[in-house]
Amino acid sequence: MNTVVENRPDQNQYALVEGDATVGFAAYEIVGDEIRFTHTEIEPSRRSTGLGAQLVQGALDDVREGSERRVVPLCPFVADYIDEHVDYRELLTR
């Protein structure tokens, strides 16, 4: 089944949606020119399937394409993702 990443600014989160179900989210705070990712969560039965990486990639791509905000990865999962994917490191120094 296809999954999509949706920005839900009214909930301060990016949601990973599969069909009609939300299977994960990446919570964030906007502070000035920063977007601070604070927590990422995938439905427990769906962990270890790559969905967390898909969620973070979609969220970071949206930040890159839709804003000039600097990413502050307070969530360890987001920080690890950026460490492992060097093409996203530029988002840390915008």
N, C-alpha and C. Protein backbone atom coordinates (compact mmCIF):
# COMPACT_ATOMS: atom_id res chain seq x y z
N MET A 1 0.85 -1.18 0.00
CA MET A 1 0.00 0.00 0.00
C MET A 1 0.89 1.24 0.00
N ASN A 2 0.48 2.25 -0.70
CA ASN A 2 1.25 3.48 -0.78
C ASN A 2 1.12 4.30 0.49
N THR A 3 2.22 4.94 0.85
CA THR A 3 2.22 5.86 1.99
C THR A 3 2.58 7.24 1.50
N VAL A 4 2.06 8.25 2.18
CA VAL A 4 2.37 9.64 1.87
C VAL A 4 2.69 10.36 3.17
N VAL A 5 3.52 11.38 3.06
CA VAL A 5 3.85 12.23 4.20
C VAL A 5 3.07 13.53 4.04
N GLU A 6 2.32 13.88 5.06
CA GLU A 6 1.50 15.11 5.05
C GLU A 6 1.96 16.03 6.17
N ASN A 7 2.13 17.31 5.84
CA ASN A 7 2.38 18.30 6.87
C ASN A 7 1.03 18.70 7.46
N ARG A 8 0.92 18.60 8.77
CA ARG A 8 -0.30 19.00 9.48
C ARG A 8 0.06 20.12 10.45
N PRO A 9 0.19 21.34 9.92
CA PRO A 9 0.65 22.45 10.75
C PRO A 9 -0.26 22.75 11.93
N ASP A 10 -1.55 22.46 11.80
CA ASP A 10 -2.47 22.69 12.93
C ASP A 10 -2.18 21.74 14.09
N GLN A 11 -1.48 20.63 13.81
CA GLN A 11 -1.12 19.67 14.85
C GLN A 11 0.39 19.69 15.13
N ASN A 12 1.13 20.57 14.44
CA ASN A 12 2.58 20.65 14.58
C ASN A 12 3.24 19.29 14.36
N GLN A 13 2.87 18.66 13.24
CA GLN A 13 3.48 17.37 12.94
C GLN A 13 3.38 17.04 11.46
N TYR A 14 4.33 16.22 11.04
CA TYR A 14 4.25 15.55 9.76
C TYR A 14 3.68 14.18 10.05
N ALA A 15 2.70 13.77 9.26
CA ALA A 15 2.07 12.47 9.47
C ALA A 15 2.40 11.55 8.31
N LEU A 16 2.63 10.29 8.61
CA LEU A 16 2.81 9.26 7.60
C LEU A 16 1.48 8.54 7.49
N VAL A 17 0.87 8.64 6.31
CA VAL A 17 -0.48 8.13 6.10
C VAL A 17 -0.43 6.99 5.10
N GLU A 18 -1.08 5.91 5.46
CA GLU A 18 -1.20 4.73 4.60
C GLU A 18 -2.68 4.43 4.45
N GLY A 19 -3.18 4.62 3.25
CA GLY A 19 -4.62 4.49 3.05
C GLY A 19 -5.35 5.55 3.85
N ASP A 20 -6.21 5.12 4.74
CA ASP A 20 -6.95 6.04 5.61
C ASP A 20 -6.36 6.15 7.01
N ALA A 21 -5.25 5.45 7.24
CA ALA A 21 -4.70 5.37 8.60
C ALA A 21 -3.40 6.15 8.72
N THR A 22 -3.24 6.83 9.83
CA THR A 22 -1.98 7.47 10.18
C THR A 22 -1.14 6.43 10.91
N VAL A 23 0.03 6.10 10.34
CA VAL A 23 0.87 5.05 10.93
C VAL A 23 2.10 5.61 11.63
N GLY A 24 2.28 6.93 11.58
CA GLY A 24 3.40 7.55 12.27
C GLY A 24 3.34 9.05 12.18
N PHE A 25 4.17 9.69 13.00
CA PHE A 25 4.23 11.15 12.96
C PHE A 25 5.60 11.63 13.42
N ALA A 26 5.95 12.82 12.96
CA ALA A 26 7.14 13.52 13.41
C ALA A 26 6.67 14.87 13.94
N ALA A 27 6.74 15.05 15.25
CA ALA A 27 6.28 16.28 15.88
C ALA A 27 7.35 17.35 15.75
N TYR A 28 6.91 18.60 15.63
CA TYR A 28 7.84 19.71 15.51
C TYR A 28 7.31 20.96 16.18
N GLU A 29 8.24 21.88 16.43
CA GLU A 29 7.91 23.23 16.92
C GLU A 29 8.55 24.22 15.95
N ILE A 30 7.85 25.30 15.69
CA ILE A 30 8.41 26.39 14.89
C ILE A 30 8.82 27.48 15.88
N VAL A 31 10.10 27.83 15.87
CA VAL A 31 10.62 28.88 16.73
C VAL A 31 11.45 29.81 15.85
N GLY A 32 10.92 30.99 15.57
CA GLY A 32 11.62 31.92 14.70
C GLY A 32 11.81 31.31 13.32
N ASP A 33 13.07 31.23 12.88
CA ASP A 33 13.37 30.66 11.56
C ASP A 33 13.79 29.19 11.65
N GLU A 34 13.46 28.54 12.77
CA GLU A 34 13.82 27.14 12.97
C GLU A 34 12.60 26.24 13.00
N ILE A 35 12.78 25.02 12.52
CA ILE A 35 11.81 23.97 12.74
C ILE A 35 12.52 22.92 13.59
N ARG A 36 12.01 22.72 14.77
CA ARG A 36 12.65 21.83 15.75
C ARG A 36 11.85 20.52 15.81
N PHE A 37 12.46 19.45 15.30
CA PHE A 37 11.82 18.14 15.37
C PHE A 37 12.05 17.57 16.75
N THR A 38 10.95 17.31 17.46
CA THR A 38 11.03 16.93 18.87
C THR A 38 10.77 15.46 19.14
N HIS A 39 10.03 14.80 18.27
CA HIS A 39 9.68 13.39 18.54
C HIS A 39 9.18 12.75 17.26
N THR A 40 9.62 11.53 17.03
CA THR A 40 9.14 10.74 15.90
C THR A 40 8.62 9.42 16.43
N GLU A 41 7.47 9.01 15.90
CA GLU A 41 6.87 7.77 16.37
C GLU A 41 6.20 7.03 15.21
N ILE A 42 6.42 5.73 15.17
CA ILE A 42 5.76 4.85 14.21
C ILE A 42 4.93 3.86 15.01
N GLU A 43 3.77 3.51 14.48
CA GLU A 43 2.91 2.53 15.14
C GLU A 43 3.75 1.29 15.50
N PRO A 44 3.68 0.83 16.73
CA PRO A 44 4.56 -0.25 17.18
C PRO A 44 4.60 -1.49 16.28
N SER A 45 3.48 -1.89 15.75
CA SER A 45 3.46 -3.09 14.90
C SER A 45 4.11 -2.87 13.55
N ARG A 46 4.43 -1.63 13.22
CA ARG A 46 5.00 -1.28 11.91
C ARG A 46 6.45 -0.84 12.00
N ARG A 47 7.05 -0.91 13.18
CA ARG A 47 8.45 -0.50 13.34
C ARG A 47 9.37 -1.49 12.64
N SER A 48 10.58 -1.04 12.36
CA SER A 48 11.61 -1.86 11.69
C SER A 48 11.21 -2.24 10.27
N THR A 49 10.41 -1.40 9.63
CA THR A 49 10.01 -1.65 8.25
C THR A 49 10.43 -0.53 7.32
N GLY A 50 11.18 0.44 7.84
CA GLY A 50 11.64 1.56 7.02
C GLY A 50 10.68 2.73 6.98
N LEU A 51 9.56 2.62 7.66
CA LEU A 51 8.59 3.71 7.63
C LEU A 51 9.09 4.97 8.32
N GLY A 52 9.87 4.81 9.39
CA GLY A 52 10.41 5.98 10.08
C GLY A 52 11.32 6.79 9.16
N ALA A 53 12.17 6.10 8.42
CA ALA A 53 13.06 6.79 7.48
C ALA A 53 12.25 7.47 6.38
N GLN A 54 11.21 6.81 5.90
CA GLN A 54 10.36 7.41 4.87
C GLN A 54 9.69 8.67 5.40
N LEU A 55 9.23 8.63 6.63
CA LEU A 55 8.59 9.78 7.25
C LEU A 55 9.56 10.95 7.38
N VAL A 56 10.74 10.68 7.91
CA VAL A 56 11.71 11.76 8.12
C VAL A 56 12.18 12.32 6.78
N GLN A 57 12.43 11.47 5.81
CA GLN A 57 12.83 11.95 4.50
C GLN A 57 11.77 12.87 3.90
N GLY A 58 10.51 12.46 3.98
CA GLY A 58 9.43 13.28 3.45
C GLY A 58 9.30 14.62 4.15
N ALA A 59 9.46 14.60 5.48
CA ALA A 59 9.39 15.85 6.25
C ALA A 59 10.54 16.78 5.88
N LEU A 60 11.75 16.24 5.81
CA LEU A 60 12.92 17.07 5.48
C LEU A 60 12.83 17.60 4.05
N ASP A 61 12.34 16.78 3.14
CA ASP A 61 12.16 17.25 1.76
C ASP A 61 11.17 18.40 1.71
N ASP A 62 10.10 18.30 2.49
CA ASP A 62 9.10 19.37 2.52
C ASP A 62 9.69 20.65 3.09
N VAL A 63 10.49 20.55 4.14
CA VAL A 63 11.13 21.73 4.71
C VAL A 63 12.06 22.36 3.68
N ARG A 64 12.84 21.54 3.02
CA ARG A 64 13.79 22.02 2.01
C ARG A 64 13.08 22.75 0.88
N GLU A 65 11.99 22.18 0.40
CA GLU A 65 11.30 22.72 -0.76
C GLU A 65 10.34 23.86 -0.42
N GLY A 66 9.82 23.87 0.80
CA GLY A 66 8.75 24.80 1.11
C GLY A 66 9.09 25.93 2.05
N SER A 67 10.35 25.99 2.51
CA SER A 67 10.69 27.05 3.45
C SER A 67 12.19 27.29 3.43
N GLU A 68 12.60 28.29 4.18
CA GLU A 68 14.02 28.58 4.39
C GLU A 68 14.41 28.27 5.84
N ARG A 69 13.56 27.54 6.53
CA ARG A 69 13.82 27.25 7.94
C ARG A 69 15.03 26.34 8.13
N ARG A 70 15.69 26.55 9.24
CA ARG A 70 16.80 25.70 9.64
C ARG A 70 16.24 24.57 10.49
N VAL A 71 16.71 23.36 10.22
CA VAL A 71 16.25 22.18 10.97
C VAL A 71 17.09 22.02 12.23
N VAL A 72 16.41 21.83 13.35
CA VAL A 72 17.06 21.52 14.62
C VAL A 72 16.54 20.15 15.04
N PRO A 73 17.37 19.10 14.92
CA PRO A 73 16.91 17.75 15.20
C PRO A 73 17.04 17.38 16.68
N LEU A 74 16.07 17.77 17.48
CA LEU A 74 16.07 17.42 18.90
C LEU A 74 15.71 15.95 19.11
N CYS A 75 15.01 15.39 18.17
CA CYS A 75 14.65 13.97 18.21
C CYS A 75 15.85 13.15 17.75
N PRO A 76 16.28 12.17 18.53
CA PRO A 76 17.44 11.36 18.15
C PRO A 76 17.28 10.63 16.81
N PHE A 77 16.07 10.21 16.48
CA PHE A 77 15.86 9.52 15.21
C PHE A 77 16.12 10.45 14.04
N VAL A 78 15.63 11.69 14.12
CA VAL A 78 15.87 12.67 13.05
C VAL A 78 17.36 13.01 12.98
N ALA A 79 17.99 13.20 14.13
CA ALA A 79 19.42 13.50 14.16
C ALA A 79 20.23 12.38 13.51
N ASP A 80 19.92 11.14 13.84
CA ASP A 80 20.62 10.00 13.25
C ASP A 80 20.39 9.93 11.74
N TYR A 81 19.17 10.20 11.30
CA TYR A 81 18.86 10.18 9.88
C TYR A 81 19.72 11.20 9.13
N ILE A 82 19.80 12.41 9.67
CA ILE A 82 20.60 13.45 9.02
C ILE A 82 22.08 13.08 9.04
N ASP A 83 22.57 12.51 10.13
CA ASP A 83 23.97 12.06 10.19
C ASP A 83 24.28 11.04 9.12
N GLU A 84 23.34 10.15 8.83
CA GLU A 84 23.54 9.08 7.86
C GLU A 84 23.29 9.51 6.42
N HIS A 85 22.60 10.62 6.22
CA HIS A 85 22.25 11.09 4.88
C HIS A 85 22.81 12.51 4.71
N VAL A 86 24.04 12.58 4.26
CA VAL A 86 24.78 13.84 4.22
C VAL A 86 24.10 14.91 3.38
N ASP A 87 23.28 14.52 2.41
CA ASP A 87 22.62 15.51 1.57
C ASP A 87 21.60 16.35 2.32
N TYR A 88 21.27 15.95 3.56
CA TYR A 88 20.34 16.75 4.37
C TYR A 88 21.05 17.64 5.39
N ARG A 89 22.34 17.51 5.52
CA ARG A 89 23.06 18.30 6.52
C ARG A 89 23.00 19.80 6.28
N GLU A 90 22.84 20.21 5.04
CA GLU A 90 22.75 21.64 4.75
C GLU A 90 21.55 22.28 5.42
N LEU A 91 20.54 21.47 5.76
CA LEU A 91 19.37 22.02 6.44
C LEU A 91 19.68 22.47 7.85
N LEU A 92 20.80 22.00 8.40
CA LEU A 92 21.19 22.36 9.76
C LEU A 92 21.82 23.75 9.85
N THR A 93 22.27 24.28 8.72
CA THR A 93 23.04 25.54 8.74
C THR A 93 22.41 26.64 7.90
N ARG A 94 21.19 26.52 7.56
CA ARG A 94 20.53 27.55 6.72
C ARG A 94 20.49 28.87 7.43
